[in-house]
Amino acid sequence: MNSNAESIAKKLTVETLPLQGVHLIEASAGTGKTFNITRIYLRLLLERKLKVQNILVVTFTKAATEELRGRIDSEIRDTLENWGLRDTPDPFYQALEKSVAKEEARLLLREALTNMDEASIFTIHGFCKRVLSQQ
């Protein structure tokens, strides 16, 4: 890594990451990319009120897409079930629960679960193929 890149690199804090603009997130294997992507996805659903059909997640392998799909689904279910009930303080959930009312969160999360089969989670090749077939 050159000194310029080192000066720019910083720790990802998902609960304060701006949900607009473009962000490049680079990380080695086993560093929590999937964990952080699921949390960013949850914030987009709840804070930006985006539908699952309007959030695009692209990764390299079919296995990674299936893992992401499962982890996102699991995170949505866990958040719905445990809203305001977590025993251990987690800055992410504390921030989320302060920014979204409980009933609104329940409605948005239930809608997301209902539509998870329409979630746009693709490999790079799968996404390109879909775009080309739609055009």
N, C-alpha and C. Protein backbone atom coordinates (compact mmCIF):
# COMPACT_ATOMS: atom_id res chain seq x y z
N MET A 1 0.85 -1.18 0.00
CA MET A 1 0.00 0.00 0.00
C MET A 1 0.89 1.24 0.00
N ASN A 2 0.61 2.19 -0.86
CA ASN A 2 1.44 3.39 -0.87
C ASN A 2 1.03 4.32 0.27
N SER A 3 1.86 5.30 0.56
CA SER A 3 1.60 6.17 1.71
C SER A 3 0.33 6.98 1.55
N ASN A 4 -0.04 7.34 0.31
CA ASN A 4 -1.27 8.08 0.07
C ASN A 4 -2.48 7.23 0.44
N ALA A 5 -2.49 5.96 0.01
CA ALA A 5 -3.60 5.06 0.34
C ALA A 5 -3.66 4.80 1.83
N GLU A 6 -2.51 4.68 2.48
CA GLU A 6 -2.50 4.44 3.92
C GLU A 6 -3.11 5.62 4.67
N SER A 7 -2.88 6.82 4.20
CA SER A 7 -3.41 7.99 4.89
C SER A 7 -4.94 8.10 4.71
N ILE A 8 -5.46 7.52 3.65
CA ILE A 8 -6.89 7.58 3.40
C ILE A 8 -7.63 6.44 4.10
N ALA A 9 -7.00 5.28 4.21
CA ALA A 9 -7.64 4.11 4.79
C ALA A 9 -8.07 4.38 6.23
N LYS A 10 -9.27 3.92 6.56
CA LYS A 10 -9.76 4.07 7.92
C LYS A 10 -10.72 2.94 8.24
N LYS A 11 -10.97 2.74 9.50
CA LYS A 11 -11.85 1.68 9.95
C LYS A 11 -13.30 1.99 9.55
N LEU A 12 -13.99 0.96 9.08
CA LEU A 12 -15.39 1.12 8.70
C LEU A 12 -16.28 1.10 9.94
N THR A 13 -17.04 2.15 10.12
CA THR A 13 -18.01 2.22 11.21
C THR A 13 -19.39 2.26 10.54
N VAL A 14 -20.02 1.10 10.48
CA VAL A 14 -21.25 0.94 9.69
C VAL A 14 -22.37 1.86 10.16
N GLU A 15 -22.49 2.07 11.45
CA GLU A 15 -23.61 2.87 11.95
C GLU A 15 -23.51 4.35 11.59
N THR A 16 -22.31 4.82 11.20
CA THR A 16 -22.16 6.23 10.83
C THR A 16 -21.79 6.42 9.36
N LEU A 17 -21.66 5.34 8.61
CA LEU A 17 -21.34 5.44 7.19
C LEU A 17 -22.45 6.19 6.46
N PRO A 18 -22.11 7.27 5.74
CA PRO A 18 -23.16 7.98 4.99
C PRO A 18 -23.81 7.04 3.97
N LEU A 19 -25.12 7.11 3.86
CA LEU A 19 -25.85 6.22 2.95
C LEU A 19 -26.12 6.89 1.60
N GLN A 20 -25.27 7.78 1.21
CA GLN A 20 -25.33 8.38 -0.12
C GLN A 20 -23.91 8.49 -0.63
N GLY A 21 -23.79 8.71 -1.91
CA GLY A 21 -22.47 8.80 -2.51
C GLY A 21 -21.92 7.42 -2.83
N VAL A 22 -20.65 7.37 -3.15
CA VAL A 22 -19.97 6.14 -3.52
C VAL A 22 -18.91 5.84 -2.47
N HIS A 23 -18.88 4.60 -2.03
CA HIS A 23 -17.89 4.17 -1.04
C HIS A 23 -17.20 2.91 -1.55
N LEU A 24 -15.89 2.89 -1.50
CA LEU A 24 -15.13 1.71 -1.84
C LEU A 24 -14.73 1.05 -0.54
N ILE A 25 -15.17 -0.19 -0.37
CA ILE A 25 -14.83 -0.95 0.83
C ILE A 25 -13.98 -2.12 0.40
N GLU A 26 -12.71 -2.11 0.80
CA GLU A 26 -11.78 -3.19 0.47
C GLU A 26 -11.38 -3.89 1.75
N ALA A 27 -11.32 -5.22 1.68
CA ALA A 27 -10.91 -5.98 2.86
C ALA A 27 -10.47 -7.37 2.45
N SER A 28 -9.60 -7.95 3.23
CA SER A 28 -9.13 -9.31 2.98
C SER A 28 -10.18 -10.31 3.43
N ALA A 29 -9.94 -11.57 3.06
CA ALA A 29 -10.85 -12.65 3.47
C ALA A 29 -10.92 -12.72 5.00
N GLY A 30 -12.12 -12.96 5.50
CA GLY A 30 -12.31 -13.16 6.93
C GLY A 30 -12.27 -11.90 7.77
N THR A 31 -12.45 -10.74 7.16
CA THR A 31 -12.37 -9.48 7.91
C THR A 31 -13.73 -8.88 8.22
N GLY A 32 -14.80 -9.53 7.79
CA GLY A 32 -16.13 -9.04 8.13
C GLY A 32 -16.88 -8.33 7.03
N LYS A 33 -16.50 -8.55 5.78
CA LYS A 33 -17.21 -7.87 4.68
C LYS A 33 -18.69 -8.24 4.68
N THR A 34 -19.00 -9.53 4.75
CA THR A 34 -20.40 -9.97 4.71
C THR A 34 -21.16 -9.41 5.91
N PHE A 35 -20.56 -9.43 7.07
CA PHE A 35 -21.14 -8.88 8.29
C PHE A 35 -21.51 -7.41 8.07
N ASN A 36 -20.59 -6.64 7.53
CA ASN A 36 -20.84 -5.21 7.32
C ASN A 36 -21.83 -4.95 6.19
N ILE A 37 -21.78 -5.76 5.14
CA ILE A 37 -22.75 -5.59 4.04
C ILE A 37 -24.16 -5.82 4.55
N THR A 38 -24.36 -6.82 5.41
CA THR A 38 -25.71 -7.07 5.93
C THR A 38 -26.20 -5.90 6.76
N ARG A 39 -25.32 -5.29 7.49
CA ARG A 39 -25.71 -4.14 8.31
C ARG A 39 -26.00 -2.90 7.45
N ILE A 40 -25.21 -2.69 6.42
CA ILE A 40 -25.47 -1.58 5.50
C ILE A 40 -26.82 -1.80 4.81
N TYR A 41 -27.08 -3.03 4.41
CA TYR A 41 -28.35 -3.39 3.77
C TYR A 41 -29.52 -3.07 4.71
N LEU A 42 -29.38 -3.44 5.96
CA LEU A 42 -30.42 -3.17 6.96
C LEU A 42 -30.66 -1.67 7.12
N ARG A 43 -29.59 -0.91 7.15
CA ARG A 43 -29.75 0.55 7.25
C ARG A 43 -30.45 1.12 6.02
N LEU A 44 -30.13 0.59 4.83
CA LEU A 44 -30.80 1.07 3.62
C LEU A 44 -32.29 0.78 3.67
N LEU A 45 -32.65 -0.39 4.18
CA LEU A 45 -34.07 -0.74 4.32
C LEU A 45 -34.78 0.18 5.30
N LEU A 46 -34.16 0.42 6.44
CA LEU A 46 -34.84 1.13 7.51
C LEU A 46 -34.67 2.65 7.48
N GLU A 47 -33.47 3.11 7.23
CA GLU A 47 -33.23 4.55 7.27
C GLU A 47 -33.57 5.24 5.95
N ARG A 48 -33.23 4.59 4.85
CA ARG A 48 -33.53 5.17 3.54
C ARG A 48 -34.87 4.67 3.00
N LYS A 49 -35.43 3.67 3.66
CA LYS A 49 -36.73 3.08 3.30
C LYS A 49 -36.74 2.54 1.87
N LEU A 50 -35.61 1.98 1.47
CA LEU A 50 -35.52 1.36 0.15
C LEU A 50 -36.15 -0.03 0.19
N LYS A 51 -36.68 -0.45 -0.91
CA LYS A 51 -37.24 -1.80 -1.06
C LYS A 51 -36.10 -2.74 -1.45
N VAL A 52 -36.25 -4.03 -1.16
CA VAL A 52 -35.20 -4.99 -1.52
C VAL A 52 -34.94 -4.98 -3.02
N GLN A 53 -35.95 -4.69 -3.80
CA GLN A 53 -35.79 -4.65 -5.26
C GLN A 53 -34.92 -3.48 -5.71
N ASN A 54 -34.71 -2.49 -4.83
CA ASN A 54 -33.95 -1.29 -5.19
C ASN A 54 -32.55 -1.24 -4.58
N ILE A 55 -32.13 -2.33 -3.98
CA ILE A 55 -30.78 -2.42 -3.41
C ILE A 55 -30.02 -3.47 -4.20
N LEU A 56 -28.89 -3.10 -4.74
CA LEU A 56 -28.08 -4.01 -5.53
C LEU A 56 -26.84 -4.43 -4.74
N VAL A 57 -26.65 -5.73 -4.62
CA VAL A 57 -25.44 -6.28 -4.01
C VAL A 57 -24.79 -7.18 -5.05
N VAL A 58 -23.52 -6.90 -5.36
CA VAL A 58 -22.79 -7.66 -6.36
C VAL A 58 -21.52 -8.22 -5.72
N THR A 59 -21.27 -9.50 -5.95
CA THR A 59 -20.08 -10.15 -5.41
C THR A 59 -19.49 -11.07 -6.47
N PHE A 60 -18.46 -11.82 -6.12
CA PHE A 60 -17.71 -12.59 -7.11
C PHE A 60 -18.28 -13.97 -7.42
N THR A 61 -18.69 -14.72 -6.43
CA THR A 61 -19.04 -16.12 -6.66
C THR A 61 -20.50 -16.41 -6.33
N LYS A 62 -21.01 -17.49 -6.91
CA LYS A 62 -22.37 -17.93 -6.59
C LYS A 62 -22.49 -18.27 -5.12
N ALA A 63 -21.46 -18.91 -4.57
CA ALA A 63 -21.48 -19.25 -3.14
C ALA A 63 -21.59 -17.99 -2.28
N ALA A 64 -20.87 -16.95 -2.65
CA ALA A 64 -20.92 -15.69 -1.90
C ALA A 64 -22.29 -15.05 -2.00
N THR A 65 -22.92 -15.13 -3.18
CA THR A 65 -24.27 -14.54 -3.31
C THR A 65 -25.26 -15.29 -2.43
N GLU A 66 -25.16 -16.61 -2.39
CA GLU A 66 -26.07 -17.39 -1.56
C GLU A 66 -25.84 -17.11 -0.08
N GLU A 67 -24.57 -16.99 0.31
CA GLU A 67 -24.27 -16.66 1.70
C GLU A 67 -24.83 -15.29 2.05
N LEU A 68 -24.62 -14.32 1.18
CA LEU A 68 -25.16 -12.97 1.43
C LEU A 68 -26.67 -12.97 1.53
N ARG A 69 -27.32 -13.66 0.61
CA ARG A 69 -28.78 -13.73 0.63
C ARG A 69 -29.27 -14.31 1.97
N GLY A 70 -28.65 -15.40 2.39
CA GLY A 70 -29.03 -16.03 3.65
C GLY A 70 -28.74 -15.17 4.86
N ARG A 71 -27.59 -14.51 4.85
CA ARG A 71 -27.22 -13.68 5.99
C ARG A 71 -28.08 -12.43 6.07
N ILE A 72 -28.43 -11.86 4.93
CA ILE A 72 -29.31 -10.68 4.93
C ILE A 72 -30.69 -11.07 5.44
N ASP A 73 -31.21 -12.17 4.95
CA ASP A 73 -32.51 -12.67 5.42
C ASP A 73 -32.47 -12.90 6.93
N SER A 74 -31.44 -13.55 7.40
CA SER A 74 -31.29 -13.85 8.83
C SER A 74 -31.18 -12.57 9.65
N GLU A 75 -30.44 -11.59 9.15
CA GLU A 75 -30.29 -10.32 9.85
C GLU A 75 -31.62 -9.57 9.95
N ILE A 76 -32.38 -9.59 8.89
CA ILE A 76 -33.70 -8.94 8.90
C ILE A 76 -34.59 -9.62 9.94
N ARG A 77 -34.63 -10.95 9.93
CA ARG A 77 -35.45 -11.69 10.89
C ARG A 77 -35.01 -11.43 12.32
N ASP A 78 -33.70 -11.46 12.55
CA ASP A 78 -33.17 -11.22 13.90
C ASP A 78 -33.51 -9.82 14.38
N THR A 79 -33.38 -8.84 13.52
CA THR A 79 -33.67 -7.47 13.89
C THR A 79 -35.15 -7.30 14.20
N LEU A 80 -36.00 -7.91 13.39
CA LEU A 80 -37.44 -7.84 13.63
C LEU A 80 -37.80 -8.46 14.98
N GLU A 81 -37.23 -9.60 15.27
CA GLU A 81 -37.53 -10.34 16.51
C GLU A 81 -36.96 -9.65 17.76
N ASN A 82 -35.81 -9.00 17.61
CA ASN A 82 -35.11 -8.48 18.80
C ASN A 82 -35.08 -6.96 18.91
N TRP A 83 -35.92 -6.28 18.17
CA TRP A 83 -35.94 -4.81 18.21
C TRP A 83 -36.17 -4.34 19.64
N GLY A 84 -35.19 -3.63 20.19
CA GLY A 84 -35.30 -3.08 21.54
C GLY A 84 -35.10 -4.08 22.66
N LEU A 85 -34.77 -5.31 22.35
CA LEU A 85 -34.66 -6.36 23.36
C LEU A 85 -33.25 -6.91 23.55
N ARG A 86 -32.26 -6.37 22.91
CA ARG A 86 -30.90 -6.93 22.98
C ARG A 86 -30.31 -6.74 24.36
N ASP A 87 -29.71 -7.83 24.88
CA ASP A 87 -29.07 -7.79 26.20
C ASP A 87 -27.73 -7.06 26.18
N THR A 88 -27.00 -7.25 25.11
CA THR A 88 -25.68 -6.65 24.99
C THR A 88 -25.77 -5.38 24.17
N PRO A 89 -25.26 -4.27 24.69
CA PRO A 89 -25.30 -3.04 23.91
C PRO A 89 -24.42 -3.15 22.66
N ASP A 90 -24.97 -2.80 21.53
CA ASP A 90 -24.26 -2.81 20.26
C ASP A 90 -24.50 -1.43 19.65
N PRO A 91 -23.43 -0.66 19.40
CA PRO A 91 -23.61 0.70 18.87
C PRO A 91 -24.42 0.73 17.58
N PHE A 92 -24.31 -0.31 16.75
CA PHE A 92 -25.07 -0.36 15.51
C PHE A 92 -26.57 -0.38 15.78
N TYR A 93 -27.01 -1.32 16.60
CA TYR A 93 -28.45 -1.44 16.88
C TYR A 93 -28.95 -0.27 17.72
N GLN A 94 -28.12 0.24 18.60
CA GLN A 94 -28.54 1.41 19.38
C GLN A 94 -28.82 2.60 18.46
N ALA A 95 -27.93 2.83 17.51
CA ALA A 95 -28.12 3.94 16.56
C ALA A 95 -29.35 3.70 15.69
N LEU A 96 -29.52 2.47 15.22
CA LEU A 96 -30.65 2.12 14.36
C LEU A 96 -31.97 2.32 15.08
N GLU A 97 -32.04 1.85 16.32
CA GLU A 97 -33.29 1.95 17.08
C GLU A 97 -33.62 3.38 17.48
N LYS A 98 -32.62 4.25 17.54
CA LYS A 98 -32.87 5.67 17.80
C LYS A 98 -33.37 6.39 16.56
N SER A 99 -32.98 5.90 15.38
CA SER A 99 -33.32 6.61 14.15
C SER A 99 -34.63 6.16 13.50
N VAL A 100 -35.15 5.00 13.91
CA VAL A 100 -36.37 4.46 13.30
C VAL A 100 -37.34 4.02 14.40
N ALA A 101 -38.59 4.45 14.29
CA ALA A 101 -39.61 4.05 15.26
C ALA A 101 -39.89 2.55 15.14
N LYS A 102 -40.20 1.92 16.25
CA LYS A 102 -40.39 0.47 16.32
C LYS A 102 -41.46 -0.03 15.34
N GLU A 103 -42.60 0.59 15.30
CA GLU A 103 -43.68 0.13 14.41
C GLU A 103 -43.33 0.31 12.94
N GLU A 104 -42.67 1.41 12.64
CA GLU A 104 -42.24 1.63 11.26
C GLU A 104 -41.21 0.56 10.87
N ALA A 105 -40.27 0.27 11.77
CA ALA A 105 -39.27 -0.77 11.52
C ALA A 105 -39.93 -2.12 11.27
N ARG A 106 -40.91 -2.45 12.08
CA ARG A 106 -41.61 -3.73 11.90
C ARG A 106 -42.26 -3.83 10.52
N LEU A 107 -42.92 -2.78 10.10
CA LEU A 107 -43.56 -2.77 8.78
C LEU A 107 -42.54 -2.93 7.66
N LEU A 108 -41.46 -2.16 7.74
CA LEU A 108 -40.43 -2.21 6.70
C LEU A 108 -39.73 -3.56 6.65
N LEU A 109 -39.45 -4.13 7.81
CA LEU A 109 -38.76 -5.42 7.86
C LEU A 109 -39.66 -6.55 7.38
N ARG A 110 -40.93 -6.51 7.75
CA ARG A 110 -41.86 -7.54 7.26
C ARG A 110 -42.01 -7.47 5.74
N GLU A 111 -42.09 -6.27 5.22
CA GLU A 111 -42.19 -6.10 3.76
C GLU A 111 -40.93 -6.64 3.09
N ALA A 112 -39.76 -6.35 3.66
CA ALA A 112 -38.51 -6.85 3.10
C ALA A 112 -38.49 -8.37 3.08
N LEU A 113 -38.92 -9.00 4.17
CA LEU A 113 -38.95 -10.46 4.22
C LEU A 113 -39.91 -11.04 3.18
N THR A 114 -41.03 -10.39 3.00
CA THR A 114 -42.01 -10.84 2.01
C THR A 114 -41.42 -10.81 0.60
N ASN A 115 -40.54 -9.86 0.35
CA ASN A 115 -40.00 -9.65 -1.00
C ASN A 115 -38.56 -10.13 -1.19
N MET A 116 -38.03 -10.88 -0.23
CA MET A 116 -36.62 -11.30 -0.34
C MET A 116 -36.33 -12.10 -1.60
N ASP A 117 -37.31 -12.81 -2.13
CA ASP A 117 -37.06 -13.57 -3.36
C ASP A 117 -36.81 -12.65 -4.55
N GLU A 118 -37.11 -11.36 -4.42
CA GLU A 118 -36.87 -10.39 -5.48
C GLU A 118 -35.63 -9.55 -5.22
N ALA A 119 -34.88 -9.86 -4.15
CA ALA A 119 -33.68 -9.10 -3.81
C ALA A 119 -32.64 -9.21 -4.93
N SER A 120 -32.00 -8.12 -5.23
CA SER A 120 -31.00 -8.07 -6.30
C SER A 120 -29.62 -8.36 -5.71
N ILE A 121 -29.32 -9.64 -5.57
CA ILE A 121 -28.03 -10.08 -5.05
C ILE A 121 -27.45 -11.00 -6.11
N PHE A 122 -26.38 -10.55 -6.77
CA PHE A 122 -25.86 -11.23 -7.95
C PHE A 122 -24.35 -11.40 -7.90
N THR A 123 -23.87 -12.33 -8.73
CA THR A 123 -22.45 -12.34 -9.07
C THR A 123 -22.27 -11.22 -10.10
N ILE A 124 -21.04 -10.87 -10.35
CA ILE A 124 -20.77 -9.85 -11.37
C ILE A 124 -21.31 -10.32 -12.72
N HIS A 125 -21.04 -11.58 -13.05
CA HIS A 125 -21.51 -12.13 -14.33
C HIS A 125 -23.04 -12.18 -14.38
N GLY A 126 -23.66 -12.59 -13.29
CA GLY A 126 -25.11 -12.68 -13.24
C GLY A 126 -25.76 -11.33 -13.41
N PHE A 127 -25.18 -10.30 -12.78
CA PHE A 127 -25.72 -8.95 -12.91
C PHE A 127 -25.60 -8.46 -14.35
N CYS A 128 -24.42 -8.66 -14.95
CA CYS A 128 -24.22 -8.23 -16.34
C CYS A 128 -25.19 -8.94 -17.28
N LYS A 129 -25.37 -10.22 -17.07
CA LYS A 129 -26.31 -11.00 -17.90
C LYS A 129 -27.73 -10.47 -17.76
N ARG A 130 -28.13 -10.14 -16.55
CA ARG A 130 -29.48 -9.61 -16.33
C ARG A 130 -29.66 -8.27 -17.01
N VAL A 131 -28.67 -7.39 -16.88
CA VAL A 131 -28.77 -6.07 -17.52
C VAL A 131 -28.85 -6.22 -19.02
N LEU A 132 -28.01 -7.08 -19.60
CA LEU A 132 -28.02 -7.27 -21.03
C LEU A 132 -29.35 -7.86 -21.52
N SER A 133 -29.90 -8.80 -20.78
CA SER A 133 -31.18 -9.42 -21.20
C SER A 133 -32.34 -8.44 -21.07
N GLN A 134 -32.26 -7.50 -20.14
CA GLN A 134 -33.31 -6.50 -19.99
C GLN A 134 -33.23 -5.42 -21.06
N GLN A 135 -32.07 -5.24 -21.65
CA GLN A 135 -31.89 -4.21 -22.67
C GLN A 135 -32.12 -4.80 -24.04
